[in-house]
């Protein structure tokens, strides 16, 4: 595990990858969707809590249910993507801890009477897993278009009513085009964003 990835791999995942707003018509198979998750699931979470939950929308009917909850500027580009993913987290994640974290037999008890800790842990680690999912998609040759311009209450009511899942944001996945692609925005330099103590 000590070999550095080649520059081409780092470019594909980070350095030259772009947030896509335009998409080809090429479909994404369910086998590839499953491979994205099966790659991303190995990313670390605290005590292996794994609260991330993902709903992959591929049918026109499912996308039509999502569309009213997207902001007007994001609606058309979301509908054009082959796959829309609702990146969510499960507020009852701790019920799986006896199986997920056998190294910590009392892990479930940390959460059963601490709603604030449940929310903090689910949101933080669910967001981590959402990022892993996007990195996995890029590593497998796909493009991503994450979007926070969405009415989460509407998504929760539409897709997660009566469950313990809560939506975080949306990511479109497919083979991107340069349509609506802005010049790449700058990033902060190391000395602006980091400290070495």
C-alpha atoms as a PDB file:
ATOM      1  CA  UNK A   1       0.000   0.000   0.000  1.00  0.00           C
ATOM      2  CA  UNK A   2       3.021   2.301  -0.120  1.00  0.00           C
ATOM      3  CA  UNK A   3       3.274   2.930  -3.872  1.00  0.00           C
ATOM      4  CA  UNK A   4       2.317   6.386  -5.037  1.00  0.00           C
ATOM      5  CA  UNK A   5      -0.514   6.515  -7.555  1.00  0.00           C
ATOM      6  CA  UNK A   6       0.602   7.642 -11.011  1.00  0.00           C
ATOM      7  CA  UNK A   7       0.029  11.281 -11.899  1.00  0.00           C
ATOM      8  CA  UNK A   8      -2.629  10.298 -14.438  1.00  0.00           C
ATOM      9  CA  UNK A   9      -4.697   8.727 -11.645  1.00  0.00           C
ATOM     10  CA  UNK A  10      -4.320  11.783  -9.407  1.00  0.00           C
ATOM     11  CA  UNK A  11      -5.324  13.998 -12.320  1.00  0.00           C
ATOM     12  CA  UNK A  12      -8.426  11.904 -13.022  1.00  0.00           C
ATOM     13  CA  UNK A  13      -9.625  11.931  -9.427  1.00  0.00           C
ATOM     14  CA  UNK A  14      -8.541  15.427  -8.312  1.00  0.00           C
ATOM     15  CA  UNK A  15      -6.258  17.697 -10.275  1.00  0.00           C
ATOM     16  CA  UNK A  16      -7.958  17.938 -13.659  1.00  0.00           C
ATOM     17  CA  UNK A  17     -11.375  16.521 -12.731  1.00  0.00           C
ATOM     18  CA  UNK A  18     -14.190  19.029 -13.045  1.00  0.00           C
ATOM     19  CA  UNK A  19     -17.674  19.431 -11.658  1.00  0.00           C
ATOM     20  CA  UNK A  20     -19.858  18.619 -14.655  1.00  0.00           C
ATOM     21  CA  UNK A  21     -23.129  20.278 -15.614  1.00  0.00           C
ATOM     22  CA  UNK A  22     -23.540  18.716 -19.073  1.00  0.00           C
ATOM     23  CA  UNK A  23     -23.878  15.014 -19.823  1.00  0.00           C
ATOM     24  CA  UNK A  24     -23.690  12.564 -22.711  1.00  0.00           C
ATOM     25  CA  UNK A  25     -26.607  10.216 -23.273  1.00  0.00           C
ATOM     26  CA  UNK A  26     -24.491   7.185 -22.352  1.00  0.00           C
ATOM     27  CA  UNK A  27     -26.262   5.137 -19.695  1.00  0.00           C
ATOM     28  CA  UNK A  28     -24.672   3.815 -16.524  1.00  0.00           C
ATOM     29  CA  UNK A  29     -25.279   0.143 -15.808  1.00  0.00           C
ATOM     30  CA  UNK A  30     -26.466  -1.139 -12.465  1.00  0.00           C
ATOM     31  CA  UNK A  31     -23.304  -3.236 -12.316  1.00  0.00           C
ATOM     32  CA  UNK A  32     -21.214  -0.048 -12.462  1.00  0.00           C
ATOM     33  CA  UNK A  33     -23.435   1.650  -9.859  1.00  0.00           C
ATOM     34  CA  UNK A  34     -22.835  -1.311  -7.562  1.00  0.00           C
ATOM     35  CA  UNK A  35     -19.087  -1.125  -8.239  1.00  0.00           C
ATOM     36  CA  UNK A  36     -19.066   2.554  -7.249  1.00  0.00           C
ATOM     37  CA  UNK A  37     -20.583   1.713  -3.879  1.00  0.00           C
ATOM     38  CA  UNK A  38     -18.492  -1.423  -3.381  1.00  0.00           C
ATOM     39  CA  UNK A  39     -15.370   0.685  -3.922  1.00  0.00           C
ATOM     40  CA  UNK A  40     -16.467   3.615  -1.764  1.00  0.00           C
ATOM     41  CA  UNK A  41     -17.657   1.537   1.195  1.00  0.00           C
ATOM     42  CA  UNK A  42     -14.083   0.824   2.283  1.00  0.00           C
ATOM     43  CA  UNK A  43     -13.418   4.460   3.203  1.00  0.00           C
ATOM     44  CA  UNK A  44     -12.983   4.988   6.959  1.00  0.00           C
ATOM     45  CA  UNK A  45     -15.693   6.243   9.302  1.00  0.00           C
ATOM     46  CA  UNK A  46     -15.529   6.674  13.064  1.00  0.00           C
ATOM     47  CA  UNK A  47     -15.860   3.272  14.764  1.00  0.00           C
ATOM     48  CA  UNK A  48     -16.839   1.958  11.324  1.00  0.00           C
ATOM     49  CA  UNK A  49     -20.301   3.448  11.878  1.00  0.00           C
ATOM     50  CA  UNK A  50     -21.110   3.669   8.133  1.00  0.00           C
ATOM     51  CA  UNK A  51     -24.183   5.975   8.297  1.00  0.00           C
ATOM     52  CA  UNK A  52     -24.073   6.890   4.597  1.00  0.00           C
ATOM     53  CA  UNK A  53     -27.105   5.875   2.550  1.00  0.00           C
ATOM     54  CA  UNK A  54     -27.412   6.335  -1.212  1.00  0.00           C
ATOM     55  CA  UNK A  55     -30.423   6.323  -3.507  1.00  0.00           C
ATOM     56  CA  UNK A  56     -29.491   6.048  -7.189  1.00  0.00           C
ATOM     57  CA  UNK A  57     -32.169   7.491  -9.453  1.00  0.00           C
ATOM     58  CA  UNK A  58     -31.976   6.135 -13.007  1.00  0.00           C
ATOM     59  CA  UNK A  59     -35.588   5.978 -14.230  1.00  0.00           C
ATOM     60  CA  UNK A  60     -37.493   8.923 -15.645  1.00  0.00           C
ATOM     61  CA  UNK A  61     -40.164   8.343 -13.004  1.00  0.00           C
ATOM     62  CA  UNK A  62     -37.694   8.567 -10.118  1.00  0.00           C
ATOM     63  CA  UNK A  63     -36.041  11.676 -11.551  1.00  0.00           C
ATOM     64  CA  UNK A  64     -39.451  13.303 -11.976  1.00  0.00           C
ATOM     65  CA  UNK A  65     -39.998  12.848  -8.242  1.00  0.00           C
ATOM     66  CA  UNK A  66     -36.705  14.626  -7.505  1.00  0.00           C
ATOM     67  CA  UNK A  67     -37.033  17.441 -10.042  1.00  0.00           C
ATOM     68  CA  UNK A  68     -39.529  19.668  -8.152  1.00  0.00           C
ATOM     69  CA  UNK A  69     -37.172  19.824  -5.193  1.00  0.00           C
ATOM     70  CA  UNK A  70     -34.135  20.994  -7.179  1.00  0.00           C
ATOM     71  CA  UNK A  71     -33.464  24.708  -7.498  1.00  0.00           C
ATOM     72  CA  UNK A  72     -34.562  26.135 -10.838  1.00  0.00           C
ATOM     73  CA  UNK A  73     -30.950  26.555 -11.973  1.00  0.00           C
ATOM     74  CA  UNK A  74     -30.111  22.931 -11.215  1.00  0.00           C
ATOM     75  CA  UNK A  75     -33.270  21.208 -12.420  1.00  0.00           C
ATOM     76  CA  UNK A  76     -32.516  20.783 -16.142  1.00  0.00           C
ATOM     77  CA  UNK A  77     -28.915  19.677 -15.650  1.00  0.00           C
ATOM     78  CA  UNK A  78     -30.025  17.189 -13.004  1.00  0.00           C
ATOM     79  CA  UNK A  79     -32.664  15.676 -15.281  1.00  0.00           C
ATOM     80  CA  UNK A  80     -30.087  15.408 -18.076  1.00  0.00           C
ATOM     81  CA  UNK A  81     -27.655  13.304 -16.033  1.00  0.00           C
ATOM     82  CA  UNK A  82     -27.824   9.509 -16.421  1.00  0.00           C
ATOM     83  CA  UNK A  83     -27.839   9.007 -12.646  1.00  0.00           C
ATOM     84  CA  UNK A  84     -28.900  11.267  -9.786  1.00  0.00           C
ATOM     85  CA  UNK A  85     -27.759  10.142  -6.351  1.00  0.00           C
ATOM     86  CA  UNK A  86     -29.458  11.253  -3.172  1.00  0.00           C
ATOM     87  CA  UNK A  87     -26.598  11.250  -0.690  1.00  0.00           C
ATOM     88  CA  UNK A  88     -28.143  10.681   2.710  1.00  0.00           C
ATOM     89  CA  UNK A  89     -27.378   9.380   6.179  1.00  0.00           C
ATOM     90  CA  UNK A  90     -29.235   7.123   8.565  1.00  0.00           C
ATOM     91  CA  UNK A  91     -30.096   8.541  11.982  1.00  0.00           C
ATOM     92  CA  UNK A  92     -30.446   4.965  13.259  1.00  0.00           C
ATOM     93  CA  UNK A  93     -26.975   3.942  12.043  1.00  0.00           C
ATOM     94  CA  UNK A  94     -25.970   2.913  15.545  1.00  0.00           C
ATOM     95  CA  UNK A  95     -28.344  -0.064  15.462  1.00  0.00           C
ATOM     96  CA  UNK A  96     -25.856  -1.773  13.117  1.00  0.00           C
ATOM     97  CA  UNK A  97     -22.832  -1.118  15.332  1.00  0.00           C
ATOM     98  CA  UNK A  98     -22.857  -4.521  17.076  1.00  0.00           C
ATOM     99  CA  UNK A  99     -22.084  -6.014  13.649  1.00  0.00           C
ATOM    100  CA  UNK A 100     -20.053  -3.154  12.150  1.00  0.00           C
ATOM    101  CA  UNK A 101     -17.871  -2.507  15.197  1.00  0.00           C
ATOM    102  CA  UNK A 102     -17.304  -5.840  16.986  1.00  0.00           C
ATOM    103  CA  UNK A 103     -14.098  -4.342  18.396  1.00  0.00           C
ATOM    104  CA  UNK A 104     -16.272  -1.948  20.472  1.00  0.00           C
ATOM    105  CA  UNK A 105     -19.026  -4.094  22.049  1.00  0.00           C
ATOM    106  CA  UNK A 106     -20.628  -1.092  23.778  1.00  0.00           C
ATOM    107  CA  UNK A 107     -20.567   1.262  20.767  1.00  0.00           C
ATOM    108  CA  UNK A 108     -24.349   1.219  20.297  1.00  0.00           C
ATOM    109  CA  UNK A 109     -24.817   2.444  23.869  1.00  0.00           C
ATOM    110  CA  UNK A 110     -22.858   5.620  23.116  1.00  0.00           C
ATOM    111  CA  UNK A 111     -25.768   6.841  20.993  1.00  0.00           C
ATOM    112  CA  UNK A 112     -29.008   5.433  22.384  1.00  0.00           C
ATOM    113  CA  UNK A 113     -29.700   8.442  24.633  1.00  0.00           C
ATOM    114  CA  UNK A 114     -27.667  11.184  22.945  1.00  0.00           C
ATOM    115  CA  UNK A 115     -29.543  12.625  19.956  1.00  0.00           C
ATOM    116  CA  UNK A 116     -27.001  15.416  19.434  1.00  0.00           C
ATOM    117  CA  UNK A 117     -24.176  12.873  19.136  1.00  0.00           C
ATOM    118  CA  UNK A 118     -26.257  10.786  16.735  1.00  0.00           C
ATOM    119  CA  UNK A 119     -26.861  13.782  14.455  1.00  0.00           C
ATOM    120  CA  UNK A 120     -23.242  14.954  14.583  1.00  0.00           C
ATOM    121  CA  UNK A 121     -21.855  11.494  13.901  1.00  0.00           C
ATOM    122  CA  UNK A 122     -24.350  10.664  11.159  1.00  0.00           C
ATOM    123  CA  UNK A 123     -23.861  13.961   9.336  1.00  0.00           C
ATOM    124  CA  UNK A 124     -20.058  14.014   9.580  1.00  0.00           C
ATOM    125  CA  UNK A 125     -19.478  10.420   8.591  1.00  0.00           C
ATOM    126  CA  UNK A 126     -22.294  10.378   6.043  1.00  0.00           C
ATOM    127  CA  UNK A 127     -20.666  13.384   4.372  1.00  0.00           C
ATOM    128  CA  UNK A 128     -17.337  11.555   4.370  1.00  0.00           C
ATOM    129  CA  UNK A 129     -18.951   8.571   2.706  1.00  0.00           C
ATOM    130  CA  UNK A 130     -20.594  10.822   0.129  1.00  0.00           C
ATOM    131  CA  UNK A 131     -17.144  12.184  -0.749  1.00  0.00           C
ATOM    132  CA  UNK A 132     -15.755   8.660  -0.989  1.00  0.00           C
ATOM    133  CA  UNK A 133     -18.594   7.809  -3.390  1.00  0.00           C
ATOM    134  CA  UNK A 134     -17.689  10.704  -5.684  1.00  0.00           C
ATOM    135  CA  UNK A 135     -13.998   9.787  -5.596  1.00  0.00           C
ATOM    136  CA  UNK A 136     -14.884   6.171  -6.408  1.00  0.00           C
ATOM    137  CA  UNK A 137     -17.045   7.290  -9.345  1.00  0.00           C
ATOM    138  CA  UNK A 138     -14.196   9.388 -10.734  1.00  0.00           C
ATOM    139  CA  UNK A 139     -11.715   6.557 -10.181  1.00  0.00           C
ATOM    140  CA  UNK A 140     -13.995   4.276 -12.217  1.00  0.00           C
ATOM    141  CA  UNK A 141     -14.032   6.682 -15.162  1.00  0.00           C
ATOM    142  CA  UNK A 142     -17.170   8.705 -14.458  1.00  0.00           C
ATOM    143  CA  UNK A 143     -17.802  12.389 -13.862  1.00  0.00           C
ATOM    144  CA  UNK A 144     -19.658  13.980 -10.963  1.00  0.00           C
ATOM    145  CA  UNK A 145     -21.785  17.055 -10.484  1.00  0.00           C
ATOM    146  CA  UNK A 146     -22.517  17.551  -6.772  1.00  0.00           C
ATOM    147  CA  UNK A 147     -25.310  20.009  -5.982  1.00  0.00           C
ATOM    148  CA  UNK A 148     -26.585  21.557  -2.780  1.00  0.00           C
ATOM    149  CA  UNK A 149     -29.237  23.630  -4.534  1.00  0.00           C
ATOM    150  CA  UNK A 150     -32.023  21.363  -3.368  1.00  0.00           C
ATOM    151  CA  UNK A 151     -34.923  21.560  -0.917  1.00  0.00           C
ATOM    152  CA  UNK A 152     -33.931  18.812   1.496  1.00  0.00           C
ATOM    153  CA  UNK A 153     -37.238  18.840   3.360  1.00  0.00           C
ATOM    154  CA  UNK A 154     -39.006  18.076   0.106  1.00  0.00           C
ATOM    155  CA  UNK A 155     -36.578  15.288  -0.779  1.00  0.00           C
ATOM    156  CA  UNK A 156     -36.985  13.771   2.679  1.00  0.00           C
ATOM    157  CA  UNK A 157     -40.778  13.888   2.409  1.00  0.00           C
ATOM    158  CA  UNK A 158     -40.748  12.431  -1.105  1.00  0.00           C
ATOM    159  CA  UNK A 159     -38.209   9.649  -0.651  1.00  0.00           C
ATOM    160  CA  UNK A 160     -37.662   9.039   3.068  1.00  0.00           C
ATOM    161  CA  UNK A 161     -41.033   9.545   4.779  1.00  0.00           C
ATOM    162  CA  UNK A 162     -41.426   7.089   7.631  1.00  0.00           C
ATOM    163  CA  UNK A 163     -37.734   6.165   7.654  1.00  0.00           C
ATOM    164  CA  UNK A 164     -34.678   7.253   9.641  1.00  0.00           C
ATOM    165  CA  UNK A 165     -32.817   8.425   6.535  1.00  0.00           C
ATOM    166  CA  UNK A 166     -32.135  12.128   5.908  1.00  0.00           C
ATOM    167  CA  UNK A 167     -30.903  13.711   2.677  1.00  0.00           C
ATOM    168  CA  UNK A 168     -27.643  15.666   2.639  1.00  0.00           C
ATOM    169  CA  UNK A 169     -27.136  16.707  -1.003  1.00  0.00           C
ATOM    170  CA  UNK A 170     -27.480  15.480  -4.584  1.00  0.00           C
ATOM    171  CA  UNK A 171     -24.770  14.295  -6.958  1.00  0.00           C
ATOM    172  CA  UNK A 172     -25.248  13.725 -10.675  1.00  0.00           C
ATOM    173  CA  UNK A 173     -23.077  10.992 -12.182  1.00  0.00           C
ATOM    174  CA  UNK A 174     -22.333  10.057 -15.775  1.00  0.00           C
ATOM    175  CA  UNK A 175     -20.005  10.905 -18.627  1.00  0.00           C
ATOM    176  CA  UNK A 176     -19.672  14.659 -18.578  1.00  0.00           C
ATOM    177  CA  UNK A 177     -19.420  17.154 -21.414  1.00  0.00           C
ATOM    178  CA  UNK A 178     -18.036  20.673 -21.446  1.00  0.00           C
ATOM    179  CA  UNK A 179     -21.534  22.195 -21.700  1.00  0.00           C
ATOM    180  CA  UNK A 180     -21.989  25.004 -19.185  1.00  0.00           C
ATOM    181  CA  UNK A 181     -18.424  24.449 -17.948  1.00  0.00           C
ATOM    182  CA  UNK A 182     -16.961  27.586 -16.392  1.00  0.00           C
ATOM    183  CA  UNK A 183     -13.239  28.336 -16.323  1.00  0.00           C
ATOM    184  CA  UNK A 184     -11.702  26.481 -13.403  1.00  0.00           C
ATOM    185  CA  UNK A 185     -11.939  28.541 -10.220  1.00  0.00           C
ATOM    186  CA  UNK A 186      -8.846  29.007  -8.049  1.00  0.00           C
ATOM    187  CA  UNK A 187      -8.145  27.151  -4.816  1.00  0.00           C
ATOM    188  CA  UNK A 188      -6.407  28.389  -1.686  1.00  0.00           C
ATOM    189  CA  UNK A 189      -2.658  27.881  -1.533  1.00  0.00           C
ATOM    190  CA  UNK A 190      -1.165  25.678   1.165  1.00  0.00           C
ATOM    191  CA  UNK A 191      -0.047  28.642   3.261  1.00  0.00           C
ATOM    192  CA  UNK A 192      -3.556  30.117   3.197  1.00  0.00           C
ATOM    193  CA  UNK A 193      -5.350  26.958   4.261  1.00  0.00           C
ATOM    194  CA  UNK A 194      -2.845  24.929   6.246  1.00  0.00           C
ATOM    195  CA  UNK A 195      -0.525  25.044   9.214  1.00  0.00           C
ATOM    196  CA  UNK A 196       2.289  22.679  10.106  1.00  0.00           C
ATOM    197  CA  UNK A 197       2.978  22.767  13.842  1.00  0.00           C
END
